Amino acid sequence: MSEKSKFSGCPATGVGSMPGGDAREAAKTVTGSFADGQGMPHLAELPARGPGADMIGRSIGLLVEMYGHVEPSGWRISDRPGRDTRRARSWLGEDLDALEEFTQGYEGLLKVQAVGPWTLAAALELRGGEAMLADAGACRDLAGSLAEGLRAHLAEVRRRMPGANVVLQLDEPSLTAVLLGRIRSASGYRTYRAVDRQVVESALRDVLAAAGEDGTTLVHSCAPEVPVALLRRAGADGVSLDFSLLTEREEEAIGEAVEGGTQLFLGVVPSTDAASEGLSDPGGSVMGVRTLWRRLGLNPGTLAESVTITPSCGLAGASPAYARTALAHSARAARSLADNPE
């Protein structure tokens, strides 16, 4: 790469969610797994606690002058902050307290996650029950509210962890479906019209800019067909994806991203216990990454500085014991990649 990566010193990290409902235990696991330069700790999400702790609810709790409440069908816009919004904010405060406790004196990269504007627009219902995605003006308002909320959230994290270099991750698992017109209506009988790529890119750029001029950002999706080139144009410094879902069609965009200095966060470690066979071999977990590098004709010497190893997705569906194993294995697999790039 032509310049030093913003993610220098980040061989491994987690995606976001963790199992259980104990904020201190989650913070202890995440910080302990990536201590001593083994990777980037992150602010854990604990969706098992219920609505408001899920990734949609947490992000709704970050919005400014926009609120949500839980209906049987999911989250819906509200006129004022009710019990569900207050609960989301309370749990976020609890999680921040726990992370602050376990990062005393920490200096280095520290990641926080929020749902991006398009996945949020696909999940959040208007008062009539349709997705916010159906209303272009509402989508613009949502992106603006999210950006403002994220600026305040990041300022709070930086105040609490003054030695940390805070990284903003936007989770956009529905992004490809939004671009391709695959998001289903409330009835399920039709799909919403595809959103113009320039509109999508513009909103993402505005929300990523909440990290600040010198901020570090990435976008995560564990869905197929991640639009890597679009995310790079929107200003993402890194792209996080499930390595097992990559196809040959995306390889050119991946190669261009690496050569352009974009960090790849590759999910190679299974995110649930059921798929955990083979975790005894860290080198085996990254064999496909080495193969991809050769196929793209990239310099093996750039692997360690261009790639961060992660689980394939969040770990909310794993057992606590396996979540600890998966994070530790991600760090070991990253070391294997650095020690034996070829």
Protein backbone atom coordinates (compact mmCIF):
# COMPACT_ATOMS: atom_id res chain seq x y z
CA MET A 1 0.00 0.00 0.00
CA SER A 2 1.15 3.49 -0.73
CA GLU A 3 0.62 4.72 2.84
CA LYS A 4 0.42 3.20 6.28
CA SER A 5 -2.98 1.63 6.93
CA LYS A 6 -5.26 3.29 9.46
CA PHE A 7 -5.72 -0.21 10.84
CA SER A 8 -2.04 -0.82 11.51
CA GLY A 9 -1.73 -3.06 14.54
CA CYS A 10 -5.16 -4.64 14.03
CA PRO A 11 -4.56 -8.30 13.12
CA ALA A 12 -7.94 -9.48 14.46
CA THR A 13 -11.21 -8.29 15.95
CA GLY A 14 -14.79 -9.32 16.64
CA VAL A 15 -17.79 -8.30 14.57
CA GLY A 16 -20.02 -6.94 17.34
CA SER A 17 -22.55 -9.13 19.12
CA MET A 18 -21.74 -11.50 21.98
CA PRO A 19 -23.85 -14.12 23.78
CA GLY A 20 -25.55 -13.69 27.15
CA GLY A 21 -26.60 -10.58 29.01
CA ASP A 22 -23.67 -9.76 31.30
CA ALA A 23 -22.02 -6.55 30.08
CA ARG A 24 -18.96 -6.91 32.33
CA GLU A 25 -18.33 -10.50 31.24
CA ALA A 26 -18.62 -9.52 27.58
CA ALA A 27 -16.26 -6.56 27.99
CA LYS A 28 -13.79 -8.73 29.87
CA THR A 29 -13.84 -11.36 27.11
CA VAL A 30 -13.47 -8.88 24.26
CA THR A 31 -10.64 -6.90 25.85
CA GLY A 32 -8.87 -10.02 27.12
CA SER A 33 -9.01 -11.75 23.73
CA PHE A 34 -7.22 -8.88 22.01
CA ALA A 35 -4.80 -7.77 24.71
CA ASP A 36 -1.10 -7.11 24.05
CA GLY A 37 -1.49 -6.12 20.42
CA GLN A 38 -3.38 -9.25 19.35
CA GLY A 39 -6.22 -7.21 17.89
CA MET A 40 -8.86 -4.52 18.27
CA PRO A 41 -11.33 -4.70 21.20
CA HIS A 42 -14.88 -3.57 20.52
CA LEU A 43 -18.00 -2.42 22.32
CA ALA A 44 -20.01 -5.63 22.64
CA GLU A 45 -23.70 -5.87 21.77
CA LEU A 46 -25.81 -8.30 23.83
CA PRO A 47 -29.09 -8.89 21.96
CA ALA A 48 -30.13 -11.74 24.29
CA ARG A 49 -31.25 -9.07 26.76
CA GLY A 50 -34.20 -8.31 24.48
CA PRO A 51 -35.55 -5.42 22.37
CA GLY A 52 -33.31 -2.40 22.69
CA ALA A 53 -30.20 -4.54 23.02
CA ASP A 54 -30.58 -5.88 19.47
CA MET A 55 -28.57 -4.07 16.82
CA ILE A 56 -31.61 -2.26 15.39
CA GLY A 57 -32.83 -1.16 18.82
CA ARG A 58 -29.39 0.01 19.90
CA SER A 59 -29.04 2.16 16.80
CA ILE A 60 -32.55 3.59 17.23
CA GLY A 61 -31.43 4.60 20.72
CA LEU A 62 -28.64 6.64 19.12
CA LEU A 63 -30.95 8.67 16.87
CA VAL A 64 -31.45 12.40 17.52
CA GLU A 65 -35.03 13.72 17.62
CA MET A 66 -36.27 10.43 16.18
CA TYR A 67 -37.60 7.59 18.32
CA GLY A 68 -38.87 4.06 18.04
CA HIS A 69 -40.97 1.52 19.89
CA VAL A 70 -41.49 -2.21 19.52
CA GLU A 71 -44.54 -3.59 17.72
CA PRO A 72 -45.21 -7.32 17.08
CA SER A 73 -43.80 -6.76 13.57
CA GLY A 74 -40.63 -5.02 14.79
CA TRP A 75 -39.44 -1.48 15.48
CA ARG A 76 -41.69 1.43 14.50
CA ILE A 77 -41.25 5.23 14.51
CA SER A 78 -42.57 7.06 17.58
CA ASP A 79 -43.33 10.71 18.32
CA ARG A 80 -41.47 10.68 21.62
CA PRO A 81 -38.96 8.49 23.50
CA GLY A 82 -40.89 5.69 25.19
CA ARG A 83 -39.90 2.74 27.33
CA ASP A 84 -38.18 0.87 24.48
CA THR A 85 -35.97 3.80 23.48
CA ARG A 86 -35.08 4.51 27.12
CA ARG A 87 -34.18 0.86 27.63
CA ALA A 88 -31.93 0.87 24.55
CA ARG A 89 -30.09 3.93 25.85
CA SER A 90 -29.79 2.47 29.34
CA TRP A 91 -28.23 -0.75 28.05
CA LEU A 92 -25.80 1.19 25.88
CA GLY A 93 -24.73 3.14 28.98
CA GLU A 94 -24.26 -0.12 30.87
CA ASP A 95 -22.11 -1.53 28.06
CA LEU A 96 -20.01 1.64 27.92
CA ASP A 97 -19.48 1.50 31.70
CA ALA A 98 -18.23 -2.08 31.41
CA LEU A 99 -15.92 -1.37 28.49
CA GLU A 100 -14.52 1.71 30.25
CA GLU A 101 -13.73 -0.43 33.30
CA PHE A 102 -11.73 -2.94 31.27
CA THR A 103 -9.90 -0.41 29.07
CA GLN A 104 -8.32 1.74 31.78
CA GLY A 105 -5.05 3.06 30.34
CA TYR A 106 -5.71 1.40 26.97
CA GLU A 107 -4.07 2.97 23.95
CA GLY A 108 -4.86 1.64 20.50
CA LEU A 109 -7.74 0.95 18.16
CA LEU A 110 -11.17 0.48 19.73
CA LYS A 111 -14.27 -0.30 17.64
CA VAL A 112 -17.92 0.67 18.11
CA GLN A 113 -20.74 -0.57 15.88
CA ALA A 114 -24.03 0.90 14.68
CA VAL A 115 -26.51 -0.18 12.04
CA GLY A 116 -26.04 1.78 8.82
CA PRO A 117 -28.76 4.01 7.35
CA TRP A 118 -30.01 1.54 4.73
CA THR A 119 -30.36 -1.54 6.91
CA LEU A 120 -32.02 0.72 9.48
CA ALA A 121 -34.41 2.12 6.85
CA ALA A 122 -35.29 -1.42 5.77
CA ALA A 123 -36.00 -2.51 9.36
CA LEU A 124 -37.70 0.55 10.88
CA GLU A 125 -41.41 0.94 10.16
CA LEU A 126 -43.28 4.15 9.47
CA ARG A 127 -46.48 4.75 11.43
CA GLY A 128 -48.55 2.98 8.78
CA GLY A 129 -46.47 -0.18 9.01
CA GLU A 130 -44.43 0.12 5.82
CA ALA A 131 -40.65 0.26 5.97
CA MET A 132 -39.05 3.68 6.09
CA LEU A 133 -37.31 2.57 2.91
CA ALA A 134 -40.53 3.39 1.02
CA ASP A 135 -40.17 7.13 1.75
CA ALA A 136 -37.12 8.89 0.27
CA GLY A 137 -37.56 11.94 2.50
CA ALA A 138 -37.82 9.78 5.61
CA CYS A 139 -34.61 8.00 4.59
CA ARG A 140 -32.79 11.33 4.32
CA ASP A 141 -34.07 12.37 7.74
CA LEU A 142 -33.03 9.03 9.20
CA ALA A 143 -29.47 9.29 7.83
CA GLY A 144 -29.16 12.83 9.22
CA SER A 145 -30.45 11.81 12.63
CA LEU A 146 -28.14 8.79 12.73
CA ALA A 147 -25.09 10.86 11.75
CA GLU A 148 -25.82 13.41 14.47
CA GLY A 149 -26.35 10.69 17.05
CA LEU A 150 -23.15 8.94 16.08
CA ARG A 151 -21.13 12.14 16.45
CA ALA A 152 -22.37 12.44 20.04
CA HIS A 153 -21.82 8.72 20.71
CA LEU A 154 -18.24 8.79 19.40
CA ALA A 155 -17.50 11.90 21.45
CA GLU A 156 -18.73 10.07 24.55
CA VAL A 157 -16.59 7.01 23.81
CA ARG A 158 -13.52 9.20 23.26
CA ARG A 159 -14.19 11.02 26.53
CA ARG A 160 -14.43 7.76 28.44
CA MET A 161 -11.46 6.07 26.73
CA PRO A 162 -9.14 9.01 26.01
CA GLY A 163 -6.20 6.88 24.93
CA ALA A 164 -8.17 4.95 22.32
CA ASN A 165 -8.30 5.57 18.58
CA VAL A 166 -12.03 4.98 18.09
CA VAL A 167 -13.16 3.17 14.93
CA LEU A 168 -16.74 3.41 13.64
CA GLN A 169 -18.24 0.29 12.07
CA LEU A 170 -21.56 0.51 10.22
CA ASP A 171 -23.45 -2.78 9.96
CA GLU A 172 -25.23 -3.01 6.60
CA PRO A 173 -26.43 -6.61 6.09
CA SER A 174 -29.46 -5.41 4.08
CA LEU A 175 -27.49 -3.08 1.81
CA THR A 176 -27.28 -5.40 -1.20
CA ALA A 177 -30.99 -6.20 -0.95
CA VAL A 178 -31.76 -2.45 -0.85
CA LEU A 179 -29.67 -1.88 -3.99
CA LEU A 180 -31.28 -4.79 -5.84
CA GLY A 181 -34.89 -4.17 -4.79
CA ARG A 182 -35.16 -7.32 -2.69
CA ILE A 183 -36.53 -5.88 0.57
CA ARG A 184 -40.06 -7.24 1.08
CA SER A 185 -43.01 -5.08 2.10
CA ALA A 186 -44.88 -5.62 5.36
CA SER A 187 -47.38 -7.89 3.59
CA GLY A 188 -44.60 -9.90 2.01
CA TYR A 189 -46.38 -9.84 -1.36
CA ARG A 190 -44.18 -7.22 -2.99
CA THR A 191 -40.73 -5.72 -2.74
CA TYR A 192 -39.66 -2.10 -2.38
CA ARG A 193 -38.17 -0.40 -5.40
CA ALA A 194 -34.37 -0.55 -5.63
CA VAL A 195 -32.71 2.61 -4.31
CA ASP A 196 -30.43 4.47 -6.71
CA ARG A 197 -26.78 3.66 -6.06
CA GLN A 198 -25.77 7.32 -5.90
CA VAL A 199 -28.42 7.98 -3.25
CA VAL A 200 -27.20 4.98 -1.26
CA GLU A 201 -23.59 6.08 -1.56
CA SER A 202 -24.36 9.66 -0.55
CA ALA A 203 -26.20 8.65 2.63
CA LEU A 204 -23.44 6.25 3.61
CA ARG A 205 -20.82 8.95 3.03
CA ASP A 206 -22.72 11.38 5.27
CA VAL A 207 -23.06 8.86 8.09
CA LEU A 208 -19.45 7.65 7.86
CA ALA A 209 -18.37 11.30 8.06
CA ALA A 210 -19.69 11.32 11.64
CA ALA A 211 -16.35 9.73 12.58
CA GLY A 212 -14.66 13.06 11.84
CA GLU A 213 -12.09 14.15 9.30
CA ASP A 214 -9.35 12.00 10.83
CA GLY A 215 -11.71 9.22 11.94
CA THR A 216 -11.39 5.58 10.94
CA THR A 217 -14.37 3.71 9.50
CA LEU A 218 -15.47 0.39 8.10
CA VAL A 219 -18.68 -1.17 6.84
CA HIS A 220 -19.67 -4.73 7.71
CA SER A 221 -22.04 -7.09 5.94
CA CYS A 222 -22.31 -10.85 6.40
CA ALA A 223 -24.66 -11.09 3.40
CA PRO A 224 -23.61 -12.17 -0.11
CA GLU A 225 -22.60 -9.73 -2.87
CA VAL A 226 -21.15 -6.97 -0.71
CA PRO A 227 -20.78 -3.83 -2.94
CA VAL A 228 -17.12 -3.26 -2.11
CA ALA A 229 -16.46 -0.56 -4.72
CA LEU A 230 -19.49 1.48 -3.60
CA LEU A 231 -18.40 1.29 0.04
CA ARG A 232 -14.93 2.50 -0.88
CA ARG A 233 -16.36 5.45 -2.81
CA ALA A 234 -18.53 6.30 0.21
CA GLY A 235 -15.36 6.70 2.25
CA ALA A 236 -15.05 3.44 4.19
CA ASP A 237 -11.45 2.74 5.21
CA GLY A 238 -12.25 -0.94 5.64
CA VAL A 239 -14.79 -3.51 4.42
CA SER A 240 -15.83 -6.44 6.62
CA LEU A 241 -17.43 -9.54 5.08
CA ASP A 242 -18.02 -13.27 5.44
CA PHE A 243 -15.14 -14.84 3.52
CA SER A 244 -17.13 -18.01 2.74
CA LEU A 245 -19.66 -15.98 0.69
CA LEU A 246 -17.10 -14.43 -1.67
CA THR A 247 -17.44 -15.45 -5.33
CA GLU A 248 -15.19 -15.00 -8.35
CA ARG A 249 -17.41 -12.10 -9.50
CA GLU A 250 -16.24 -10.05 -6.54
CA GLU A 251 -12.54 -10.83 -6.76
CA GLU A 252 -11.66 -7.94 -9.07
CA ALA A 253 -13.25 -5.44 -6.68
CA ILE A 254 -11.43 -7.09 -3.77
CA GLY A 255 -8.09 -6.81 -5.57
CA GLU A 256 -8.69 -3.15 -6.42
CA ALA A 257 -9.67 -2.45 -2.82
CA VAL A 258 -6.46 -3.95 -1.46
CA GLU A 259 -4.32 -2.08 -3.97
CA GLY A 260 -6.17 1.12 -3.10
CA GLY A 261 -5.35 0.76 0.59
CA THR A 262 -8.72 -0.49 1.86
CA GLN A 263 -8.45 -2.86 4.82
CA LEU A 264 -10.23 -6.21 4.42
CA PHE A 265 -11.88 -7.67 7.50
CA LEU A 266 -12.32 -11.29 6.53
CA GLY A 267 -14.70 -13.51 8.49
CA VAL A 268 -13.04 -16.91 8.39
CA VAL A 269 -13.84 -18.23 11.88
CA PRO A 270 -17.31 -19.85 12.28
CA SER A 271 -19.66 -17.75 14.41
CA THR A 272 -21.57 -20.63 16.02
CA ASP A 273 -20.58 -23.76 17.93
CA ALA A 274 -22.27 -26.03 15.37
CA ALA A 275 -19.84 -25.03 12.63
CA SER A 276 -16.73 -24.98 14.81
CA GLU A 277 -14.87 -28.04 13.56
CA GLY A 278 -11.26 -27.39 12.65
CA LEU A 279 -10.54 -24.63 15.16
CA SER A 280 -7.50 -26.56 16.33
CA ASP A 281 -5.63 -25.37 13.21
CA PRO A 282 -5.23 -21.57 12.96
CA GLY A 283 -3.25 -21.92 9.74
CA GLY A 284 -6.02 -23.93 8.15
CA SER A 285 -8.53 -21.20 8.90
CA VAL A 286 -6.64 -18.71 6.72
CA MET A 287 -5.56 -21.09 3.95
CA GLY A 288 -8.30 -19.71 1.67
CA VAL A 289 -7.07 -16.16 2.25
CA ARG A 290 -3.57 -17.11 1.11
CA THR A 291 -5.08 -18.83 -1.96
CA LEU A 292 -7.12 -15.75 -2.83
CA TRP A 293 -4.01 -13.58 -2.58
CA ARG A 294 -2.14 -15.82 -5.01
CA ARG A 295 -5.09 -15.89 -7.41
CA LEU A 296 -5.26 -12.10 -7.42
CA GLY A 297 -1.51 -11.81 -7.99
CA LEU A 298 -1.05 -9.76 -4.83
CA ASN A 299 2.19 -9.60 -2.90
CA PRO A 300 2.05 -12.12 0.00
CA GLY A 301 4.09 -9.66 2.04
CA THR A 302 1.08 -7.32 2.17
CA LEU A 303 -1.27 -9.90 3.69
CA ALA A 304 -0.68 -9.09 7.35
CA GLU A 305 -1.04 -5.34 6.85
CA SER A 306 -4.06 -5.56 4.49
CA VAL A 307 -6.19 -8.18 6.25
CA THR A 308 -7.85 -8.33 9.67
CA ILE A 309 -9.24 -11.71 10.74
CA THR A 310 -12.70 -11.94 12.31
CA PRO A 311 -15.47 -14.43 12.99
CA SER A 312 -17.82 -14.82 10.01
CA CYS A 313 -20.52 -12.76 11.75
CA GLY A 314 -21.62 -11.72 15.23
CA LEU A 315 -21.34 -14.27 18.06
CA ALA A 316 -24.77 -13.77 19.65
CA GLY A 317 -25.83 -17.28 18.61
CA ALA A 318 -22.78 -18.96 20.13
CA SER A 319 -22.25 -20.29 23.63
CA PRO A 320 -20.15 -18.03 25.90
CA ALA A 321 -17.36 -20.62 25.88
CA TYR A 322 -17.34 -20.83 22.10
CA ALA A 323 -17.42 -17.02 21.75
CA ARG A 324 -14.22 -16.84 23.79
CA THR A 325 -12.70 -19.59 21.65
CA ALA A 326 -13.68 -17.90 18.38
CA LEU A 327 -12.12 -14.57 19.33
CA ALA A 328 -8.93 -16.21 20.58
CA HIS A 329 -8.76 -18.35 17.43
CA SER A 330 -9.16 -15.23 15.25
CA ALA A 331 -6.08 -13.77 16.92
CA ARG A 332 -4.12 -17.02 16.45
CA ALA A 333 -5.17 -17.30 12.79
CA ALA A 334 -4.02 -13.71 12.20
CA ARG A 335 -0.63 -14.56 13.71
CA SER A 336 -0.38 -17.57 11.41
CA LEU A 337 -1.10 -15.34 8.41
CA ALA A 338 1.59 -12.88 9.47
CA ASP A 339 4.16 -15.60 10.20
CA ASN A 340 3.47 -17.65 7.06
CA PRO A 341 1.94 -15.41 4.36
CA GLU A 342 2.74 -17.91 1.60
